[in-house]
Amino acid sequence: MKAEPTNPQQTVFEQNKRQDAQGNEYWSARDMAKILEYSEYRHFKPVMDRAKKACENSGN
């Protein structure tokens, strides 16, 4: 099932954005895996791990 934006002014990523008590925006990795059409979260987790490492290596 493909997620489609209900508001044409917002992307599916913006529609799935969450916000914590301090106002910081974040996205659920499990939600992102579904949006990006990974069949299972376990297939998406290594992608997230590589992205985290890339951020660390770039100083972010």
PDB file of N, CA and C in Angstrom:
ATOM      1  N   MET A   1       0.837  -1.176   0.000  1.00  0.00           N
ATOM      2  CA  MET A   1       0.000   0.000   0.000  1.00  0.00           C
ATOM      3  C   MET A   1       0.878   1.234   0.000  1.00  0.00           C
ATOM      4  N   LYS A   2       0.661   2.112  -0.908  1.00  0.00           N
ATOM      5  CA  LYS A   2       1.459   3.315  -1.049  1.00  0.00           C
ATOM      6  C   LYS A   2       0.765   4.473  -0.335  1.00  0.00           C
ATOM      7  N   ALA A   3       1.535   5.202   0.455  1.00  0.00           N
ATOM      8  CA  ALA A   3       0.979   6.357   1.168  1.00  0.00           C
ATOM      9  C   ALA A   3       0.867   7.540   0.210  1.00  0.00           C
ATOM     10  N   GLU A   4      -0.293   8.117   0.144  1.00  0.00           N
ATOM     11  CA  GLU A   4      -0.538   9.266  -0.723  1.00  0.00           C
ATOM     12  C   GLU A   4      -0.853  10.490   0.141  1.00  0.00           C
ATOM     13  N   PRO A   5      -0.276  11.640  -0.202  1.00  0.00           N
ATOM     14  CA  PRO A   5      -0.583  12.838   0.580  1.00  0.00           C
ATOM     15  C   PRO A   5      -2.060  13.204   0.481  1.00  0.00           C
ATOM     16  N   THR A   6      -2.680  13.535   1.615  1.00  0.00           N
ATOM     17  CA  THR A   6      -4.069  13.956   1.597  1.00  0.00           C
ATOM     18  C   THR A   6      -4.172  15.446   1.316  1.00  0.00           C
ATOM     19  N   ASN A   7      -3.130  16.179   1.603  1.00  0.00           N
ATOM     20  CA  ASN A   7      -3.064  17.602   1.330  1.00  0.00           C
ATOM     21  C   ASN A   7      -2.028  17.809   0.236  1.00  0.00           C
ATOM     22  N   PRO A   8      -2.442  18.250  -0.950  1.00  0.00           N
ATOM     23  CA  PRO A   8      -1.486  18.394  -2.048  1.00  0.00           C
ATOM     24  C   PRO A   8      -0.387  19.419  -1.764  1.00  0.00           C
ATOM     25  N   GLN A   9      -0.567  20.250  -0.742  1.00  0.00           N
ATOM     26  CA  GLN A   9       0.451  21.230  -0.382  1.00  0.00           C
ATOM     27  C   GLN A   9       1.555  20.619   0.479  1.00  0.00           C
ATOM     28  N   GLN A  10       1.320  19.422   1.010  1.00  0.00           N
ATOM     29  CA  GLN A  10       2.298  18.760   1.861  1.00  0.00           C
ATOM     30  C   GLN A  10       2.738  17.441   1.247  1.00  0.00           C
ATOM     31  N   THR A  11       4.017  17.147   1.394  1.00  0.00           N
ATOM     32  CA  THR A  11       4.508  15.848   0.949  1.00  0.00           C
ATOM     33  C   THR A  11       4.119  14.798   1.985  1.00  0.00           C
ATOM     34  N   VAL A  12       4.227  13.553   1.604  1.00  0.00           N
ATOM     35  CA  VAL A  12       3.929  12.461   2.534  1.00  0.00           C
ATOM     36  C   VAL A  12       4.883  12.533   3.730  1.00  0.00           C
ATOM     37  N   PHE A  13       6.096  13.033   3.517  1.00  0.00           N
ATOM     38  CA  PHE A  13       7.053  13.170   4.605  1.00  0.00           C
ATOM     39  C   PHE A  13       6.603  14.244   5.598  1.00  0.00           C
ATOM     40  N   GLU A  14       6.099  15.350   5.100  1.00  0.00           N
ATOM     41  CA  GLU A  14       5.602  16.407   5.985  1.00  0.00           C
ATOM     42  C   GLU A  14       4.366  15.940   6.752  1.00  0.00           C
ATOM     43  N   GLN A  15       3.539  15.153   6.124  1.00  0.00           N
ATOM     44  CA  GLN A  15       2.337  14.662   6.789  1.00  0.00           C
ATOM     45  C   GLN A  15       2.666  13.691   7.913  1.00  0.00           C
ATOM     46  N   ASN A  16       3.805  13.034   7.846  1.00  0.00           N
ATOM     47  CA  ASN A  16       4.192  12.061   8.857  1.00  0.00           C
ATOM     48  C   ASN A  16       5.173  12.629   9.882  1.00  0.00           C
ATOM     49  N   LYS A  17       5.450  13.900   9.792  1.00  0.00           N
ATOM     50  CA  LYS A  17       6.364  14.554  10.726  1.00  0.00           C
ATOM     51  C   LYS A  17       5.745  14.582  12.113  1.00  0.00           C
ATOM     52  N   ARG A  18       6.572  14.365  13.115  1.00  0.00           N
ATOM     53  CA  ARG A  18       6.137  14.437  14.508  1.00  0.00           C
ATOM     54  C   ARG A  18       6.910  15.552  15.188  1.00  0.00           C
ATOM     55  N   GLN A  19       6.433  15.940  16.354  1.00  0.00           N
ATOM     56  CA  GLN A  19       7.087  17.007  17.100  1.00  0.00           C
ATOM     57  C   GLN A  19       7.101  16.646  18.580  1.00  0.00           C
ATOM     58  N   ASP A  20       8.266  16.836  19.216  1.00  0.00           N
ATOM     59  CA  ASP A  20       8.347  16.528  20.645  1.00  0.00           C
ATOM     60  C   ASP A  20       7.935  17.744  21.474  1.00  0.00           C
ATOM     61  N   ALA A  21       7.990  17.605  22.788  1.00  0.00           N
ATOM     62  CA  ALA A  21       7.543  18.668  23.698  1.00  0.00           C
ATOM     63  C   ALA A  21       8.353  19.956  23.550  1.00  0.00           C
ATOM     64  N   GLN A  22       9.603  19.849  23.089  1.00  0.00           N
ATOM     65  CA  GLN A  22      10.444  21.030  22.904  1.00  0.00           C
ATOM     66  C   GLN A  22      10.296  21.646  21.513  1.00  0.00           C
ATOM     67  N   GLY A  23       9.456  21.060  20.683  1.00  0.00           N
ATOM     68  CA  GLY A  23       9.231  21.591  19.342  1.00  0.00           C
ATOM     69  C   GLY A  23      10.162  21.038  18.281  1.00  0.00           C
ATOM     70  N   ASN A  24      10.980  20.045  18.634  1.00  0.00           N
ATOM     71  CA  ASN A  24      11.888  19.423  17.667  1.00  0.00           C
ATOM     72  C   ASN A  24      11.102  18.490  16.751  1.00  0.00           C
ATOM     73  N   GLU A  25      11.361  18.584  15.460  1.00  0.00           N
ATOM     74  CA  GLU A  25      10.693  17.732  14.487  1.00  0.00           C
ATOM     75  C   GLU A  25      11.450  16.424  14.338  1.00  0.00           C
ATOM     76  N   TYR A  26      10.709  15.337  14.138  1.00  0.00           N
ATOM     77  CA  TYR A  26      11.329  14.039  13.899  1.00  0.00           C
ATOM     78  C   TYR A  26      10.345  13.143  13.153  1.00  0.00           C
ATOM     79  N   TRP A  27      10.869  12.048  12.629  1.00  0.00           N
ATOM     80  CA  TRP A  27      10.064  11.066  11.919  1.00  0.00           C
ATOM     81  C   TRP A  27      10.333   9.702  12.507  1.00  0.00           C
ATOM     82  N   SER A  28       9.333   8.876  12.576  1.00  0.00           N
ATOM     83  CA  SER A  28       9.478   7.507  13.041  1.00  0.00           C
ATOM     84  C   SER A  28      10.156   6.671  11.951  1.00  0.00           C
ATOM     85  N   ALA A  29      11.206   5.951  12.334  1.00  0.00           N
ATOM     86  CA  ALA A  29      11.898   5.102  11.360  1.00  0.00           C
ATOM     87  C   ALA A  29      10.961   4.020  10.822  1.00  0.00           C
ATOM     88  N   ARG A  30      10.096   3.504  11.670  1.00  0.00           N
ATOM     89  CA  ARG A  30       9.164   2.473  11.211  1.00  0.00           C
ATOM     90  C   ARG A  30       8.164   3.041  10.205  1.00  0.00           C
ATOM     91  N   ASP A  31       7.705   4.266  10.437  1.00  0.00           N
ATOM     92  CA  ASP A  31       6.816   4.918   9.473  1.00  0.00           C
ATOM     93  C   ASP A  31       7.557   5.178   8.159  1.00  0.00           C
ATOM     94  N   MET A  32       8.812   5.633   8.260  1.00  0.00           N
ATOM     95  CA  MET A  32       9.586   5.921   7.054  1.00  0.00           C
ATOM     96  C   MET A  32       9.810   4.661   6.230  1.00  0.00           C
ATOM     97  N   ALA A  33      10.046   3.539   6.904  1.00  0.00           N
ATOM     98  CA  ALA A  33      10.234   2.274   6.185  1.00  0.00           C
ATOM     99  C   ALA A  33       9.004   1.941   5.350  1.00  0.00           C
ATOM    100  N   LYS A  34       7.824   2.166   5.918  1.00  0.00           N
ATOM    101  CA  LYS A  34       6.579   1.909   5.175  1.00  0.00           C
ATOM    102  C   LYS A  34       6.427   2.879   4.003  1.00  0.00           C
ATOM    103  N   ILE A  35       6.692   4.159   4.268  1.00  0.00           N
ATOM    104  CA  ILE A  35       6.563   5.176   3.226  1.00  0.00           C
ATOM    105  C   ILE A  35       7.490   4.870   2.057  1.00  0.00           C
ATOM    106  N   LEU A  36       8.709   4.425   2.382  1.00  0.00           N
ATOM    107  CA  LEU A  36       9.704   4.124   1.347  1.00  0.00           C
ATOM    108  C   LEU A  36       9.553   2.718   0.776  1.00  0.00           C
ATOM    109  N   GLU A  37       8.477   2.045   1.190  1.00  0.00           N
ATOM    110  CA  GLU A  37       8.064   0.754   0.637  1.00  0.00           C
ATOM    111  C   GLU A  37       9.034  -0.391   0.904  1.00  0.00           C
ATOM    112  N   TYR A  38       9.667  -0.379   2.081  1.00  0.00           N
ATOM    113  CA  TYR A  38      10.441  -1.543   2.497  1.00  0.00           C
ATOM    114  C   TYR A  38       9.448  -2.596   2.965  1.00  0.00           C
ATOM    115  N   SER A  39       9.677  -3.834   2.583  1.00  0.00           N
ATOM    116  CA  SER A  39       8.729  -4.891   2.925  1.00  0.00           C
ATOM    117  C   SER A  39       8.698  -5.152   4.432  1.00  0.00           C
ATOM    118  N   GLU A  40       9.840  -4.970   5.088  1.00  0.00           N
ATOM    119  CA  GLU A  40       9.918  -5.160   6.535  1.00  0.00           C
ATOM    120  C   GLU A  40      10.905  -4.148   7.107  1.00  0.00           C
ATOM    121  N   TYR A  41      10.658  -3.776   8.360  1.00  0.00           N
ATOM    122  CA  TYR A  41      11.532  -2.809   9.026  1.00  0.00           C
ATOM    123  C   TYR A  41      12.976  -3.307   9.096  1.00  0.00           C
ATOM    124  N   ARG A  42      13.153  -4.597   9.270  1.00  0.00           N
ATOM    125  CA  ARG A  42      14.511  -5.142   9.397  1.00  0.00           C
ATOM    126  C   ARG A  42      15.345  -4.903   8.142  1.00  0.00           C
ATOM    127  N   HIS A  43      14.709  -4.689   7.000  1.00  0.00           N
ATOM    128  CA  HIS A  43      15.438  -4.373   5.771  1.00  0.00           C
ATOM    129  C   HIS A  43      15.825  -2.891   5.724  1.00  0.00           C
ATOM    130  N   PHE A  44      15.100  -2.072   6.439  1.00  0.00           N
ATOM    131  CA  PHE A  44      15.344  -0.625   6.464  1.00  0.00           C
ATOM    132  C   PHE A  44      16.380  -0.246   7.523  1.00  0.00           C
ATOM    133  N   LYS A  45      16.473  -1.014   8.596  1.00  0.00           N
ATOM    134  CA  LYS A  45      17.371  -0.688   9.702  1.00  0.00           C
ATOM    135  C   LYS A  45      18.826  -0.513   9.255  1.00  0.00           C
ATOM    136  N   PRO A  46      19.397  -1.383   8.417  1.00  0.00           N
ATOM    137  CA  PRO A  46      20.783  -1.166   7.980  1.00  0.00           C
ATOM    138  C   PRO A  46      20.959   0.152   7.209  1.00  0.00           C
ATOM    139  N   VAL A  47      19.934   0.566   6.509  1.00  0.00           N
ATOM    140  CA  VAL A  47      19.983   1.838   5.789  1.00  0.00           C
ATOM    141  C   VAL A  47      20.092   2.982   6.791  1.00  0.00           C
ATOM    142  N   MET A  48      19.294   2.914   7.847  1.00  0.00           N
ATOM    143  CA  MET A  48      19.341   3.946   8.885  1.00  0.00           C
ATOM    144  C   MET A  48      20.694   3.937   9.586  1.00  0.00           C
ATOM    145  N   ASP A  49      21.240   2.769   9.842  1.00  0.00           N
ATOM    146  CA  ASP A  49      22.549   2.678  10.498  1.00  0.00           C
ATOM    147  C   ASP A  49      23.640   3.319   9.637  1.00  0.00           C
ATOM    148  N   ARG A  50      23.594   3.095   8.328  1.00  0.00           N
ATOM    149  CA  ARG A  50      24.580   3.709   7.430  1.00  0.00           C
ATOM    150  C   ARG A  50      24.403   5.221   7.374  1.00  0.00           C
ATOM    151  N   ALA A  51      23.152   5.694   7.416  1.00  0.00           N
ATOM    152  CA  ALA A  51      22.890   7.123   7.398  1.00  0.00           C
ATOM    153  C   ALA A  51      23.416   7.783   8.670  1.00  0.00           C
ATOM    154  N   LYS A  52      23.221   7.140   9.806  1.00  0.00           N
ATOM    155  CA  LYS A  52      23.747   7.665  11.077  1.00  0.00           C
ATOM    156  C   LYS A  52      25.265   7.765  11.026  1.00  0.00           C
ATOM    157  N   LYS A  53      25.918   6.732  10.509  1.00  0.00           N
ATOM    158  CA  LYS A  53      27.377   6.723  10.404  1.00  0.00           C
ATOM    159  C   LYS A  53      27.850   7.831   9.476  1.00  0.00           C
ATOM    160  N   ALA A  54      27.153   8.044   8.372  1.00  0.00           N
ATOM    161  CA  ALA A  54      27.524   9.116   7.444  1.00  0.00           C
ATOM    162  C   ALA A  54      27.407  10.480   8.116  1.00  0.00           C
ATOM    163  N   CYS A  55      26.377  10.661   8.923  1.00  0.00           N
ATOM    164  CA  CYS A  55      26.217  11.923   9.661  1.00  0.00           C
ATOM    165  C   CYS A  55      27.353  12.118  10.656  1.00  0.00           C
ATOM    166  N   GLU A  56      27.691  11.068  11.374  1.00  0.00           N
ATOM    167  CA  GLU A  56      28.809  11.138  12.331  1.00  0.00           C
ATOM    168  C   GLU A  56      30.110  11.493  11.614  1.00  0.00           C
ATOM    169  N   ASN A  57      30.364  10.845  10.480  1.00  0.00           N
ATOM    170  CA  ASN A  57      31.603  11.080   9.732  1.00  0.00           C
ATOM    171  C   ASN A  57      31.690  12.489   9.166  1.00  0.00           C
ATOM    172  N   SER A  58      30.537  13.100   8.902  1.00  0.00           N
ATOM    173  CA  SER A  58      30.543  14.456   8.343  1.00  0.00           C
ATOM    174  C   SER A  58      30.495  15.522   9.442  1.00  0.00           C
ATOM    175  N   GLY A  59      30.462  15.084  10.704  1.00  0.00           N
ATOM    176  CA  GLY A  59      30.461  16.025  11.816  1.00  0.00           C
ATOM    177  C   GLY A  59      29.090  16.534  12.211  1.00  0.00           C
ATOM    178  N   ASN A  60      28.062  15.903  11.727  1.00  0.00           N
ATOM    179  CA  ASN A  60      26.691  16.312  12.106  1.00  0.00           C
ATOM    180  C   ASN A  60      26.128  15.406  13.165  1.00  0.00           C
TER     181      ASN A  60
END
